[in-house]
């Protein structure tokens, strides 16, 4: 039986679900190290790629690696979770950079896949952060 994009996305969502409790507790973790490690493990399990590698590239390029917008949303959620962990531990500048990157991922996903849901999420994040510069 052929492995379809839908199957890949379903598998990614299930893998993310197995890490859901750890990710939900990550921002409240006493130490950031284990929380950040759980984010990396969730990314590898859900997307099959290293979190640190994906986040080194611009959002448009990373979005181009995925065949479905849900995969981009998963990465954006993981980046946002990392931002929350960093913010909770006083690393505000890094947290803001991650929030900006999560927004860029959602915006790039909307541009590539034309999915309004990503646009609404990006617009909400944009408003919450007090206005971010537009993507070039």
N, C-alpha and C. Protein backbone atom coordinates (compact mmCIF):
# COMPACT_ATOMS: atom_id res chain seq x y z
N UNK A 1 0.85 -1.18 0.00
CA UNK A 1 0.00 0.00 0.00
C UNK A 1 0.89 1.24 0.00
N UNK A 2 0.61 2.20 -0.86
CA UNK A 2 1.45 3.40 -0.93
C UNK A 2 1.30 4.27 0.31
N UNK A 3 2.40 4.91 0.65
CA UNK A 3 2.45 5.81 1.80
C UNK A 3 2.15 7.22 1.28
N UNK A 4 1.02 7.78 1.68
CA UNK A 4 0.61 9.08 1.16
C UNK A 4 1.02 10.21 2.09
N UNK A 5 0.86 11.44 1.58
CA UNK A 5 1.14 12.61 2.41
C UNK A 5 0.24 12.62 3.63
N UNK A 6 -1.01 12.22 3.42
CA UNK A 6 -1.95 12.17 4.54
C UNK A 6 -1.44 11.23 5.63
N UNK A 7 -0.91 10.09 5.22
CA UNK A 7 -0.36 9.13 6.18
C UNK A 7 0.81 9.74 6.95
N UNK A 8 1.66 10.47 6.24
CA UNK A 8 2.82 11.10 6.88
C UNK A 8 2.38 12.12 7.91
N UNK A 9 1.37 12.90 7.56
CA UNK A 9 0.88 13.92 8.50
C UNK A 9 0.22 13.25 9.69
N UNK A 10 -0.57 12.23 9.44
CA UNK A 10 -1.22 11.51 10.54
C UNK A 10 -0.19 10.91 11.48
N UNK A 11 0.85 10.35 10.93
CA UNK A 11 1.93 9.79 11.74
C UNK A 11 2.63 10.89 12.55
N UNK A 12 2.84 12.05 11.95
CA UNK A 12 3.47 13.17 12.65
C UNK A 12 2.61 13.66 13.80
N UNK A 13 1.31 13.76 13.57
CA UNK A 13 0.41 14.22 14.62
C UNK A 13 0.36 13.21 15.76
N UNK A 14 0.34 11.94 15.44
CA UNK A 14 0.35 10.91 16.49
C UNK A 14 1.65 10.96 17.30
N UNK A 15 2.77 11.14 16.62
CA UNK A 15 4.05 11.24 17.33
C UNK A 15 4.07 12.45 18.24
N UNK A 16 3.53 13.56 17.75
CA UNK A 16 3.46 14.76 18.58
C UNK A 16 2.55 14.53 19.78
N UNK A 17 1.48 13.80 19.57
CA UNK A 17 0.56 13.48 20.66
C UNK A 17 1.22 12.70 21.77
N UNK A 18 2.16 11.84 21.41
CA UNK A 18 2.87 11.07 22.44
C UNK A 18 3.75 11.97 23.31
N UNK A 19 4.09 13.13 22.81
CA UNK A 19 4.93 14.08 23.56
C UNK A 19 4.11 15.23 24.15
N UNK A 20 2.80 15.18 23.98
CA UNK A 20 1.95 16.32 24.36
C UNK A 20 2.06 16.70 25.83
N UNK A 21 2.08 15.72 26.72
CA UNK A 21 2.13 16.06 28.14
C UNK A 21 3.45 16.73 28.51
N UNK A 22 4.55 16.23 27.96
CA UNK A 22 5.85 16.85 28.22
C UNK A 22 5.90 18.27 27.67
N UNK A 23 5.34 18.46 26.49
CA UNK A 23 5.37 19.78 25.87
C UNK A 23 4.48 20.76 26.62
N UNK A 24 3.35 20.28 27.13
CA UNK A 24 2.46 21.16 27.88
C UNK A 24 3.10 21.64 29.18
N UNK A 25 3.91 20.78 29.78
CA UNK A 25 4.57 21.12 31.04
C UNK A 25 5.89 21.86 30.84
N UNK A 26 6.40 21.91 29.63
CA UNK A 26 7.72 22.47 29.36
C UNK A 26 7.91 23.91 29.85
N UNK A 27 6.97 24.83 29.59
CA UNK A 27 7.20 26.21 30.04
C UNK A 27 7.29 26.36 31.57
N UNK A 28 6.68 25.45 32.29
CA UNK A 28 6.70 25.53 33.75
C UNK A 28 7.83 24.72 34.37
N UNK A 29 8.68 24.14 33.55
CA UNK A 29 9.77 23.30 34.06
C UNK A 29 10.73 24.12 34.92
N UNK A 30 11.24 23.46 35.95
CA UNK A 30 12.17 24.13 36.86
C UNK A 30 13.48 24.49 36.16
N UNK A 31 13.97 23.61 35.32
CA UNK A 31 15.19 23.84 34.56
C UNK A 31 14.85 23.81 33.07
N UNK A 32 15.44 24.71 32.28
CA UNK A 32 15.10 24.73 30.86
C UNK A 32 15.69 23.56 30.06
N UNK A 33 16.80 23.00 30.49
CA UNK A 33 17.47 21.95 29.72
C UNK A 33 16.59 20.77 29.36
N UNK A 34 15.97 20.11 30.35
CA UNK A 34 15.11 18.97 30.02
C UNK A 34 13.89 19.37 29.18
N UNK A 35 13.35 20.55 29.42
CA UNK A 35 12.20 21.01 28.64
C UNK A 35 12.60 21.21 27.18
N UNK A 36 13.74 21.83 26.96
CA UNK A 36 14.21 22.05 25.59
C UNK A 36 14.54 20.73 24.90
N UNK A 37 15.06 19.78 25.66
CA UNK A 37 15.35 18.46 25.10
C UNK A 37 14.07 17.75 24.67
N UNK A 38 13.01 17.90 25.45
CA UNK A 38 11.74 17.26 25.07
C UNK A 38 11.19 17.86 23.77
N UNK A 39 11.44 19.15 23.55
CA UNK A 39 11.03 19.78 22.29
C UNK A 39 11.81 19.17 21.13
N UNK A 40 13.10 18.98 21.30
CA UNK A 40 13.93 18.40 20.25
C UNK A 40 13.51 16.96 19.94
N UNK A 41 13.22 16.20 20.99
CA UNK A 41 12.77 14.81 20.80
C UNK A 41 11.43 14.77 20.08
N UNK A 42 10.52 15.67 20.44
CA UNK A 42 9.21 15.71 19.79
C UNK A 42 9.35 16.05 18.31
N UNK A 43 10.24 16.96 17.99
CA UNK A 43 10.47 17.34 16.59
C UNK A 43 11.00 16.16 15.78
N UNK A 44 11.97 15.47 16.34
CA UNK A 44 12.54 14.32 15.64
C UNK A 44 11.49 13.23 15.45
N UNK A 45 10.68 12.99 16.48
CA UNK A 45 9.65 11.95 16.39
C UNK A 45 8.54 12.34 15.41
N UNK A 46 8.12 13.59 15.44
CA UNK A 46 6.99 14.02 14.62
C UNK A 46 7.36 14.34 13.18
N UNK A 47 8.50 14.98 12.99
CA UNK A 47 8.86 15.45 11.65
C UNK A 47 10.03 14.69 11.04
N UNK A 48 10.73 13.90 11.84
CA UNK A 48 11.85 13.13 11.33
C UNK A 48 13.08 13.96 11.03
N UNK A 49 13.12 15.17 11.58
CA UNK A 49 14.25 16.07 11.35
C UNK A 49 14.65 16.72 12.67
N UNK A 50 15.92 17.08 12.75
CA UNK A 50 16.45 17.71 13.96
C UNK A 50 15.93 19.14 14.09
N UNK A 51 15.43 19.46 15.26
CA UNK A 51 14.91 20.79 15.56
C UNK A 51 15.96 21.87 15.32
N UNK A 52 17.16 21.65 15.83
CA UNK A 52 18.21 22.66 15.71
C UNK A 52 18.63 22.90 14.26
N UNK A 53 18.54 21.89 13.44
CA UNK A 53 18.87 22.06 12.02
C UNK A 53 17.77 22.86 11.33
N UNK A 54 16.52 22.50 11.58
CA UNK A 54 15.41 23.20 10.94
C UNK A 54 15.39 24.68 11.29
N UNK A 55 15.69 25.00 12.53
CA UNK A 55 15.58 26.39 12.97
C UNK A 55 16.79 27.25 12.58
N UNK A 56 17.76 26.67 11.92
CA UNK A 56 18.91 27.45 11.44
C UNK A 56 18.64 28.13 10.11
N UNK A 57 17.61 27.71 9.43
CA UNK A 57 17.31 28.23 8.10
C UNK A 57 16.10 29.16 8.15
N UNK A 58 15.97 29.98 7.12
CA UNK A 58 14.84 30.91 7.09
C UNK A 58 13.53 30.14 6.93
N UNK A 59 12.46 30.77 7.36
CA UNK A 59 11.15 30.12 7.42
C UNK A 59 10.67 29.65 6.04
N UNK A 60 10.89 30.44 5.02
CA UNK A 60 10.44 30.05 3.68
C UNK A 60 11.14 28.78 3.21
N UNK A 61 12.43 28.69 3.43
CA UNK A 61 13.18 27.50 3.02
C UNK A 61 12.71 26.27 3.78
N UNK A 62 12.50 26.43 5.07
CA UNK A 62 12.05 25.30 5.89
C UNK A 62 10.65 24.87 5.47
N UNK A 63 9.78 25.82 5.21
CA UNK A 63 8.43 25.49 4.76
C UNK A 63 8.47 24.70 3.45
N UNK A 64 9.44 25.01 2.61
CA UNK A 64 9.59 24.29 1.35
C UNK A 64 9.98 22.83 1.50
N UNK A 65 10.47 22.45 2.67
CA UNK A 65 10.84 21.06 2.92
C UNK A 65 9.63 20.17 3.16
N UNK A 66 8.53 20.77 3.55
CA UNK A 66 7.36 20.00 3.95
C UNK A 66 6.33 19.91 2.83
N UNK A 67 5.61 18.80 2.82
CA UNK A 67 4.61 18.57 1.78
C UNK A 67 3.19 18.92 2.24
N UNK A 68 3.04 19.28 3.50
CA UNK A 68 1.70 19.55 4.04
C UNK A 68 1.79 20.68 5.06
N UNK A 69 0.80 21.57 5.10
CA UNK A 69 0.85 22.68 6.04
C UNK A 69 0.84 22.25 7.51
N UNK A 70 0.26 21.10 7.79
CA UNK A 70 0.22 20.64 9.19
C UNK A 70 1.63 20.40 9.73
N UNK A 71 2.53 19.97 8.88
CA UNK A 71 3.91 19.77 9.31
C UNK A 71 4.56 21.09 9.70
N UNK A 72 4.24 22.14 8.96
CA UNK A 72 4.77 23.46 9.30
C UNK A 72 4.17 23.93 10.61
N UNK A 73 2.87 23.69 10.80
CA UNK A 73 2.22 24.07 12.06
C UNK A 73 2.84 23.36 13.25
N UNK A 74 3.20 22.10 13.07
CA UNK A 74 3.84 21.36 14.16
C UNK A 74 5.16 22.03 14.52
N UNK A 75 5.96 22.34 13.53
CA UNK A 75 7.24 23.00 13.81
C UNK A 75 7.01 24.36 14.46
N UNK A 76 6.06 25.13 13.96
CA UNK A 76 5.77 26.44 14.54
C UNK A 76 5.35 26.30 16.00
N UNK A 77 4.57 25.28 16.31
CA UNK A 77 4.14 25.05 17.69
C UNK A 77 5.34 24.70 18.58
N UNK A 78 6.24 23.88 18.06
CA UNK A 78 7.44 23.53 18.83
C UNK A 78 8.34 24.74 19.06
N UNK A 79 8.48 25.58 18.04
CA UNK A 79 9.28 26.80 18.19
C UNK A 79 8.63 27.73 19.21
N UNK A 80 7.30 27.84 19.16
CA UNK A 80 6.58 28.67 20.12
C UNK A 80 6.73 28.12 21.53
N UNK A 81 6.71 26.81 21.68
CA UNK A 81 6.91 26.21 23.00
C UNK A 81 8.30 26.52 23.52
N UNK A 82 9.30 26.46 22.64
CA UNK A 82 10.65 26.82 23.07
C UNK A 82 10.68 28.29 23.51
N UNK A 83 9.99 29.15 22.79
CA UNK A 83 9.94 30.57 23.17
C UNK A 83 9.35 30.73 24.56
N UNK A 84 8.32 29.98 24.86
CA UNK A 84 7.67 30.07 26.18
C UNK A 84 8.60 29.57 27.28
N UNK A 85 9.34 28.52 27.00
CA UNK A 85 10.31 28.00 27.98
C UNK A 85 11.39 29.05 28.23
N UNK A 86 11.93 29.61 27.17
CA UNK A 86 12.98 30.61 27.31
C UNK A 86 12.48 31.85 28.05
N UNK A 87 11.27 32.28 27.73
CA UNK A 87 10.70 33.44 28.40
C UNK A 87 10.51 33.17 29.89
N UNK A 88 10.05 31.98 30.22
CA UNK A 88 9.83 31.62 31.62
C UNK A 88 11.14 31.60 32.41
N UNK A 89 12.25 31.43 31.73
CA UNK A 89 13.55 31.38 32.39
C UNK A 89 14.37 32.65 32.15
N UNK A 90 13.69 33.72 31.78
CA UNK A 90 14.33 35.02 31.70
C UNK A 90 15.11 35.32 30.44
N UNK A 91 15.04 34.47 29.44
CA UNK A 91 15.77 34.71 28.19
C UNK A 91 14.82 35.36 27.18
N UNK A 92 14.49 36.60 27.47
CA UNK A 92 13.45 37.31 26.72
C UNK A 92 13.85 37.54 25.27
N UNK A 93 15.08 37.93 25.01
CA UNK A 93 15.50 38.22 23.63
C UNK A 93 15.41 36.96 22.76
N UNK A 94 15.89 35.84 23.28
CA UNK A 94 15.80 34.59 22.51
C UNK A 94 14.35 34.16 22.34
N UNK A 95 13.54 34.38 23.38
CA UNK A 95 12.13 34.03 23.30
C UNK A 95 11.43 34.85 22.22
N UNK A 96 11.74 36.13 22.16
CA UNK A 96 11.13 36.98 21.14
C UNK A 96 11.57 36.55 19.74
N UNK A 97 12.84 36.19 19.59
CA UNK A 97 13.33 35.72 18.30
C UNK A 97 12.60 34.45 17.88
N UNK A 98 12.36 33.55 18.82
CA UNK A 98 11.63 32.32 18.50
C UNK A 98 10.17 32.61 18.16
N UNK A 99 9.55 33.55 18.88
CA UNK A 99 8.17 33.92 18.57
C UNK A 99 8.07 34.50 17.16
N UNK A 100 9.03 35.32 16.82
CA UNK A 100 9.08 35.89 15.47
C UNK A 100 9.24 34.78 14.43
N UNK A 101 10.10 33.80 14.70
CA UNK A 101 10.32 32.71 13.76
C UNK A 101 9.06 31.85 13.61
N UNK A 102 8.35 31.61 14.71
CA UNK A 102 7.10 30.85 14.63
C UNK A 102 6.10 31.59 13.75
N UNK A 103 6.02 32.90 13.91
CA UNK A 103 5.14 33.71 13.07
C UNK A 103 5.56 33.62 11.61
N UNK A 104 6.86 33.69 11.35
CA UNK A 104 7.35 33.60 9.98
C UNK A 104 7.02 32.25 9.36
N UNK A 105 7.12 31.18 10.14
CA UNK A 105 6.76 29.86 9.64
C UNK A 105 5.29 29.81 9.22
N UNK A 106 4.42 30.34 10.07
CA UNK A 106 2.99 30.33 9.76
C UNK A 106 2.69 31.20 8.53
N UNK A 107 3.36 32.33 8.44
CA UNK A 107 3.16 33.21 7.30
C UNK A 107 3.67 32.56 6.01
N UNK A 108 4.82 31.92 6.08
CA UNK A 108 5.37 31.23 4.91
C UNK A 108 4.47 30.06 4.51
N UNK A 109 3.89 29.39 5.49
CA UNK A 109 2.98 28.29 5.20
C UNK A 109 1.74 28.80 4.47
N UNK A 110 1.23 29.93 4.93
CA UNK A 110 0.06 30.51 4.25
C UNK A 110 0.41 30.88 2.81
N UNK A 111 1.60 31.44 2.62
CA UNK A 111 2.02 31.82 1.27
C UNK A 111 2.19 30.60 0.37
N UNK A 112 2.73 29.53 0.92
CA UNK A 112 2.99 28.34 0.09
C UNK A 112 1.74 27.50 -0.14
N UNK A 113 1.00 27.25 0.95
CA UNK A 113 -0.12 26.33 0.85
C UNK A 113 -1.47 27.02 0.70
N UNK A 114 -1.51 28.34 0.97
CA UNK A 114 -2.77 29.07 0.85
C UNK A 114 -3.80 28.68 1.89
N UNK A 115 -3.36 28.34 3.06
CA UNK A 115 -4.25 27.87 4.11
C UNK A 115 -4.60 29.04 5.02
N UNK A 116 -5.87 29.39 5.05
CA UNK A 116 -6.32 30.52 5.86
C UNK A 116 -6.07 30.34 7.34
N UNK A 117 -6.12 29.11 7.82
CA UNK A 117 -5.90 28.86 9.25
C UNK A 117 -4.52 29.34 9.67
N UNK A 118 -3.52 29.12 8.85
CA UNK A 118 -2.18 29.61 9.16
C UNK A 118 -2.16 31.13 9.17
N UNK A 119 -2.90 31.71 8.26
CA UNK A 119 -2.96 33.16 8.21
C UNK A 119 -3.57 33.75 9.47
N UNK A 120 -4.65 33.12 9.95
CA UNK A 120 -5.28 33.60 11.18
C UNK A 120 -4.34 33.44 12.37
N UNK A 121 -3.64 32.33 12.44
CA UNK A 121 -2.69 32.12 13.53
C UNK A 121 -1.55 33.13 13.45
N UNK A 122 -1.05 33.38 12.25
CA UNK A 122 0.04 34.35 12.08
C UNK A 122 -0.44 35.75 12.43
N UNK A 123 -1.65 36.10 12.00
CA UNK A 123 -2.18 37.43 12.31
C UNK A 123 -2.39 37.61 13.81
N UNK A 124 -2.88 36.57 14.48
CA UNK A 124 -3.07 36.65 15.93
C UNK A 124 -1.74 36.82 16.65
N UNK A 125 -0.74 36.07 16.23
CA UNK A 125 0.59 36.19 16.84
C UNK A 125 1.18 37.56 16.55
N UNK A 126 0.97 38.05 15.35
CA UNK A 126 1.47 39.38 14.96
C UNK A 126 0.85 40.45 15.86
N UNK A 127 -0.45 40.37 16.09
CA UNK A 127 -1.13 41.33 16.95
C UNK A 127 -0.69 41.24 18.39
N UNK A 128 -0.48 40.03 18.88
CA UNK A 128 -0.07 39.83 20.27
C UNK A 128 1.33 40.38 20.53
N UNK A 129 2.17 40.36 19.53
CA UNK A 129 3.54 40.83 19.70
C UNK A 129 3.68 42.32 19.41
N UNK A 130 2.58 42.99 19.10
CA UNK A 130 2.63 44.42 18.89
C UNK A 130 3.16 44.83 17.53
N UNK A 131 3.03 43.98 16.57
CA UNK A 131 3.45 44.32 15.21
C UNK A 131 4.86 43.87 14.91
N UNK A 132 4.98 43.03 13.94
CA UNK A 132 6.28 42.53 13.50
C UNK A 132 6.51 43.00 12.08
N UNK A 133 7.75 43.08 11.66
CA UNK A 133 8.02 43.51 10.29
C UNK A 133 7.49 42.49 9.29
N UNK A 134 7.05 42.95 8.12
CA UNK A 134 6.56 42.00 7.12
C UNK A 134 7.69 41.17 6.55
N UNK A 135 7.33 40.00 6.06
CA UNK A 135 8.32 39.16 5.38
C UNK A 135 8.61 39.75 4.02
N UNK A 136 9.85 39.69 3.60
CA UNK A 136 10.22 40.19 2.27
C UNK A 136 9.81 39.22 1.21
